[in-house]
Amino acid sequence: MYQAGRVAHAQKDFQLAKQLYEKAAGLNYVASYINLGVLSYQVSGTPKDYDAARRWYEKAVAANDPAGLNADAAPRAVREDRRLIGDDPPWQARQSCC
């Protein structure tokens, strides 16, 4: 389902992509969480839902998804909207390498 969602996403069939990603997420396919977050905030021609994007990114972080753990993966618009995400969203935590 996830791969079919990626195909639909690439073909700009965002409604179908969202449905397929949601089915994959329902089966705990973690990679779908980031894609659902992207569809929630970034896709042109679809309603922006920053709260849904935040929930999907947080779910990815909770599942230890490397993309979710990467601070740059979270969209800047979502990271900066403090009304929705609070002051310390989990994806902004960076680990020191040195």
N, C-alpha and C. Protein backbone atom coordinates (compact mmCIF):
# COMPACT_ATOMS: atom_id res chain seq x y z
N MET A 1 0.81 -1.19 0.00
CA MET A 1 0.00 0.00 0.00
C MET A 1 0.86 1.26 0.00
N TYR A 2 1.93 1.22 0.78
CA TYR A 2 2.80 2.39 0.84
C TYR A 2 3.37 2.71 -0.53
N GLN A 3 3.89 1.69 -1.23
CA GLN A 3 4.48 1.92 -2.54
C GLN A 3 3.44 2.43 -3.54
N ALA A 4 2.23 1.91 -3.46
CA ALA A 4 1.15 2.40 -4.32
C ALA A 4 0.84 3.86 -3.99
N GLY A 5 0.95 4.22 -2.71
CA GLY A 5 0.77 5.60 -2.30
C GLY A 5 1.84 6.50 -2.89
N ARG A 6 3.06 6.00 -2.94
CA ARG A 6 4.16 6.78 -3.52
C ARG A 6 3.93 7.02 -5.01
N VAL A 7 3.40 6.00 -5.69
CA VAL A 7 3.11 6.14 -7.11
C VAL A 7 2.01 7.20 -7.31
N ALA A 8 0.96 7.10 -6.52
CA ALA A 8 -0.14 8.08 -6.62
C ALA A 8 0.37 9.48 -6.30
N HIS A 9 1.24 9.58 -5.30
CA HIS A 9 1.83 10.88 -4.91
C HIS A 9 2.62 11.44 -6.09
N ALA A 10 3.45 10.62 -6.72
CA ALA A 10 4.26 11.06 -7.85
C ALA A 10 3.39 11.49 -9.03
N GLN A 11 2.24 10.85 -9.16
CA GLN A 11 1.32 11.18 -10.24
C GLN A 11 0.39 12.34 -9.86
N LYS A 12 0.63 12.90 -8.69
CA LYS A 12 -0.13 14.05 -8.17
C LYS A 12 -1.60 13.73 -7.91
N ASP A 13 -1.88 12.45 -7.64
CA ASP A 13 -3.22 12.05 -7.21
C ASP A 13 -3.17 12.03 -5.68
N PHE A 14 -3.24 13.22 -5.09
CA PHE A 14 -2.99 13.37 -3.66
C PHE A 14 -4.06 12.72 -2.79
N GLN A 15 -5.29 12.72 -3.25
CA GLN A 15 -6.34 12.09 -2.45
C GLN A 15 -6.11 10.58 -2.36
N LEU A 16 -5.79 9.95 -3.49
CA LEU A 16 -5.50 8.52 -3.49
C LEU A 16 -4.24 8.24 -2.67
N ALA A 17 -3.23 9.06 -2.83
CA ALA A 17 -1.99 8.88 -2.07
C ALA A 17 -2.29 8.92 -0.57
N LYS A 18 -3.08 9.89 -0.16
CA LYS A 18 -3.42 10.01 1.26
C LYS A 18 -4.15 8.76 1.75
N GLN A 19 -5.11 8.28 0.97
CA GLN A 19 -5.85 7.08 1.36
C GLN A 19 -4.92 5.89 1.51
N LEU A 20 -4.01 5.72 0.55
CA LEU A 20 -3.09 4.58 0.61
C LEU A 20 -2.10 4.71 1.75
N TYR A 21 -1.56 5.90 1.97
CA TYR A 21 -0.66 6.12 3.10
C TYR A 21 -1.38 5.87 4.43
N GLU A 22 -2.63 6.31 4.52
CA GLU A 22 -3.39 6.08 5.76
C GLU A 22 -3.61 4.59 6.01
N LYS A 23 -3.86 3.83 4.94
CA LYS A 23 -3.99 2.37 5.10
C LYS A 23 -2.67 1.77 5.58
N ALA A 24 -1.57 2.23 4.98
CA ALA A 24 -0.26 1.74 5.39
C ALA A 24 0.04 2.13 6.84
N ALA A 25 -0.32 3.35 7.21
CA ALA A 25 -0.12 3.80 8.60
C ALA A 25 -0.94 2.96 9.56
N GLY A 26 -2.15 2.58 9.14
CA GLY A 26 -3.00 1.73 9.96
C GLY A 26 -2.39 0.36 10.21
N LEU A 27 -1.48 -0.04 9.32
CA LEU A 27 -0.75 -1.30 9.48
C LEU A 27 0.62 -1.06 10.11
N ASN A 28 0.80 0.14 10.67
CA ASN A 28 2.05 0.54 11.34
C ASN A 28 3.25 0.56 10.41
N TYR A 29 3.03 0.92 9.16
CA TYR A 29 4.14 1.11 8.24
C TYR A 29 4.68 2.51 8.46
N VAL A 30 5.76 2.59 9.20
CA VAL A 30 6.27 3.85 9.73
C VAL A 30 6.62 4.87 8.65
N ALA A 31 7.12 4.43 7.52
CA ALA A 31 7.53 5.37 6.47
C ALA A 31 6.35 6.20 5.97
N SER A 32 5.16 5.70 6.12
CA SER A 32 3.98 6.45 5.65
C SER A 32 3.71 7.68 6.52
N TYR A 33 4.18 7.70 7.76
CA TYR A 33 3.90 8.81 8.66
C TYR A 33 4.46 10.13 8.12
N ILE A 34 5.70 10.11 7.65
CA ILE A 34 6.32 11.33 7.12
C ILE A 34 5.56 11.79 5.87
N ASN A 35 5.21 10.85 5.00
CA ASN A 35 4.50 11.23 3.79
C ASN A 35 3.14 11.82 4.10
N LEU A 36 2.47 11.30 5.10
CA LEU A 36 1.19 11.89 5.51
C LEU A 36 1.40 13.28 6.08
N GLY A 37 2.49 13.48 6.80
CA GLY A 37 2.81 14.82 7.29
C GLY A 37 3.03 15.79 6.16
N VAL A 38 3.76 15.36 5.14
CA VAL A 38 4.01 16.21 3.98
C VAL A 38 2.70 16.55 3.27
N LEU A 39 1.86 15.54 3.07
CA LEU A 39 0.57 15.79 2.41
C LEU A 39 -0.29 16.75 3.23
N SER A 40 -0.13 16.71 4.53
CA SER A 40 -0.95 17.55 5.40
C SER A 40 -0.60 19.03 5.33
N TYR A 41 0.64 19.35 4.99
CA TYR A 41 1.02 20.77 5.04
C TYR A 41 1.57 21.33 3.75
N GLN A 42 2.09 20.49 2.88
CA GLN A 42 2.93 21.02 1.82
C GLN A 42 2.34 20.91 0.42
N VAL A 43 1.41 20.03 0.21
CA VAL A 43 0.97 19.75 -1.15
C VAL A 43 0.05 20.84 -1.67
N SER A 44 0.41 21.38 -2.80
CA SER A 44 -0.38 22.42 -3.44
C SER A 44 -1.73 21.83 -3.87
N GLY A 45 -2.77 22.59 -3.66
CA GLY A 45 -4.09 22.15 -4.06
C GLY A 45 -4.82 21.33 -3.02
N THR A 46 -4.22 21.14 -1.88
CA THR A 46 -4.89 20.44 -0.79
C THR A 46 -4.95 21.38 0.41
N PRO A 47 -5.95 21.22 1.26
CA PRO A 47 -6.04 22.10 2.44
C PRO A 47 -4.85 21.87 3.37
N LYS A 48 -4.32 22.95 3.91
CA LYS A 48 -3.20 22.86 4.86
C LYS A 48 -3.74 22.49 6.23
N ASP A 49 -3.17 21.47 6.82
CA ASP A 49 -3.58 21.03 8.16
C ASP A 49 -2.32 20.84 8.98
N TYR A 50 -1.85 21.95 9.57
CA TYR A 50 -0.60 21.91 10.33
C TYR A 50 -0.70 21.02 11.55
N ASP A 51 -1.87 20.95 12.15
CA ASP A 51 -2.03 20.09 13.32
C ASP A 51 -1.87 18.63 12.93
N ALA A 52 -2.44 18.23 11.82
CA ALA A 52 -2.29 16.85 11.34
C ALA A 52 -0.83 16.57 11.00
N ALA A 53 -0.18 17.54 10.35
CA ALA A 53 1.24 17.37 10.02
C ALA A 53 2.06 17.14 11.28
N ARG A 54 1.79 17.96 12.30
CA ARG A 54 2.50 17.81 13.57
C ARG A 54 2.28 16.42 14.15
N ARG A 55 1.05 15.95 14.14
CA ARG A 55 0.75 14.61 14.70
C ARG A 55 1.50 13.52 13.95
N TRP A 56 1.53 13.61 12.62
CA TRP A 56 2.22 12.58 11.86
C TRP A 56 3.73 12.62 12.11
N TYR A 57 4.32 13.82 12.17
CA TYR A 57 5.75 13.91 12.47
C TYR A 57 6.05 13.38 13.87
N GLU A 58 5.21 13.70 14.83
CA GLU A 58 5.43 13.19 16.19
C GLU A 58 5.30 11.68 16.23
N LYS A 59 4.39 11.13 15.45
CA LYS A 59 4.24 9.68 15.40
C LYS A 59 5.49 9.05 14.80
N ALA A 60 6.06 9.69 13.79
CA ALA A 60 7.31 9.19 13.20
C ALA A 60 8.44 9.23 14.22
N VAL A 61 8.52 10.31 14.97
CA VAL A 61 9.54 10.43 16.01
C VAL A 61 9.36 9.34 17.06
N ALA A 62 8.13 9.12 17.48
CA ALA A 62 7.84 8.10 18.50
C ALA A 62 8.22 6.70 18.00
N ALA A 63 8.16 6.50 16.69
CA ALA A 63 8.49 5.20 16.11
C ALA A 63 9.97 5.11 15.73
N ASN A 64 10.75 6.13 16.10
CA ASN A 64 12.18 6.18 15.80
C ASN A 64 12.49 6.15 14.31
N ASP A 65 11.61 6.74 13.51
CA ASP A 65 11.85 6.84 12.08
C ASP A 65 13.01 7.81 11.86
N PRO A 66 14.05 7.40 11.15
CA PRO A 66 15.19 8.31 10.95
C PRO A 66 14.79 9.64 10.32
N ALA A 67 13.85 9.63 9.40
CA ALA A 67 13.40 10.89 8.79
C ALA A 67 12.69 11.75 9.81
N GLY A 68 11.93 11.14 10.69
CA GLY A 68 11.24 11.90 11.73
C GLY A 68 12.19 12.45 12.77
N LEU A 69 13.28 11.73 13.00
CA LEU A 69 14.27 12.16 13.99
C LEU A 69 15.17 13.27 13.44
N ASN A 70 15.22 13.43 12.14
CA ASN A 70 16.03 14.46 11.53
C ASN A 70 15.31 15.80 11.69
N ALA A 71 15.93 16.73 12.34
CA ALA A 71 15.29 18.03 12.59
C ALA A 71 14.90 18.73 11.29
N ASP A 72 15.62 18.48 10.23
CA ASP A 72 15.31 19.13 8.96
C ASP A 72 14.12 18.49 8.26
N ALA A 73 13.71 17.31 8.69
CA ALA A 73 12.57 16.65 8.05
C ALA A 73 11.27 17.35 8.39
N ALA A 74 11.20 17.91 9.58
CA ALA A 74 9.97 18.60 9.98
C ALA A 74 9.88 19.90 9.21
N PRO A 75 8.74 20.17 8.62
CA PRO A 75 8.63 21.39 7.82
C PRO A 75 8.82 22.64 8.65
N ARG A 76 9.51 23.59 8.10
CA ARG A 76 9.79 24.83 8.82
C ARG A 76 8.51 25.50 9.28
N ALA A 77 7.50 25.51 8.43
CA ALA A 77 6.24 26.16 8.80
C ALA A 77 5.61 25.50 10.01
N VAL A 78 5.75 24.19 10.11
CA VAL A 78 5.19 23.48 11.27
C VAL A 78 6.06 23.73 12.50
N ARG A 79 7.38 23.67 12.32
CA ARG A 79 8.28 23.87 13.46
C ARG A 79 8.08 25.25 14.08
N GLU A 80 7.83 26.25 13.23
CA GLU A 80 7.76 27.61 13.73
C GLU A 80 6.38 28.01 14.25
N ASP A 81 5.39 27.21 14.00
CA ASP A 81 4.05 27.55 14.45
C ASP A 81 3.89 27.11 15.90
N ARG A 82 4.34 27.92 16.82
CA ARG A 82 4.34 27.58 18.25
C ARG A 82 2.94 27.39 18.81
N ARG A 83 1.94 28.00 18.17
CA ARG A 83 0.57 27.82 18.66
C ARG A 83 0.17 26.35 18.56
N LEU A 84 0.70 25.63 17.57
CA LEU A 84 0.30 24.24 17.34
C LEU A 84 1.25 23.25 17.98
N ILE A 85 2.54 23.55 17.99
CA ILE A 85 3.50 22.53 18.42
C ILE A 85 4.13 22.79 19.77
N GLY A 86 3.84 23.91 20.38
CA GLY A 86 4.45 24.20 21.66
C GLY A 86 5.86 24.71 21.49
N ASP A 87 6.57 24.85 22.57
CA ASP A 87 7.90 25.45 22.52
C ASP A 87 9.02 24.48 22.22
N ASP A 88 8.81 23.20 22.40
CA ASP A 88 9.90 22.24 22.23
C ASP A 88 9.42 20.99 21.52
N PRO A 89 9.16 21.07 20.20
CA PRO A 89 8.72 19.88 19.50
C PRO A 89 9.81 18.81 19.51
N PRO A 90 9.45 17.55 19.56
CA PRO A 90 10.44 16.49 19.71
C PRO A 90 11.42 16.40 18.55
N TRP A 91 11.01 16.81 17.34
CA TRP A 91 11.93 16.69 16.22
C TRP A 91 12.98 17.77 16.18
N GLN A 92 12.90 18.77 17.07
CA GLN A 92 13.92 19.79 17.09
C GLN A 92 15.10 19.42 17.99
N ALA A 93 14.95 18.37 18.75
CA ALA A 93 16.03 17.96 19.64
C ALA A 93 17.18 17.42 18.78
N ARG A 94 18.31 18.03 18.90
CA ARG A 94 19.48 17.57 18.14
C ARG A 94 20.48 16.96 19.12
N GLN A 95 21.10 15.91 18.65
CA GLN A 95 22.11 15.27 19.48
C GLN A 95 23.49 15.79 19.08
N SER A 96 24.30 16.02 20.05
CA SER A 96 25.64 16.47 19.78
C SER A 96 26.50 15.28 19.35
N CYS A 97 27.23 15.46 18.29
CA CYS A 97 28.05 14.35 17.81
C CYS A 97 29.44 14.36 18.42
N CYS A 98 29.87 15.52 19.03
CA CYS A 98 31.24 15.62 19.52
C CYS A 98 31.31 15.96 20.98
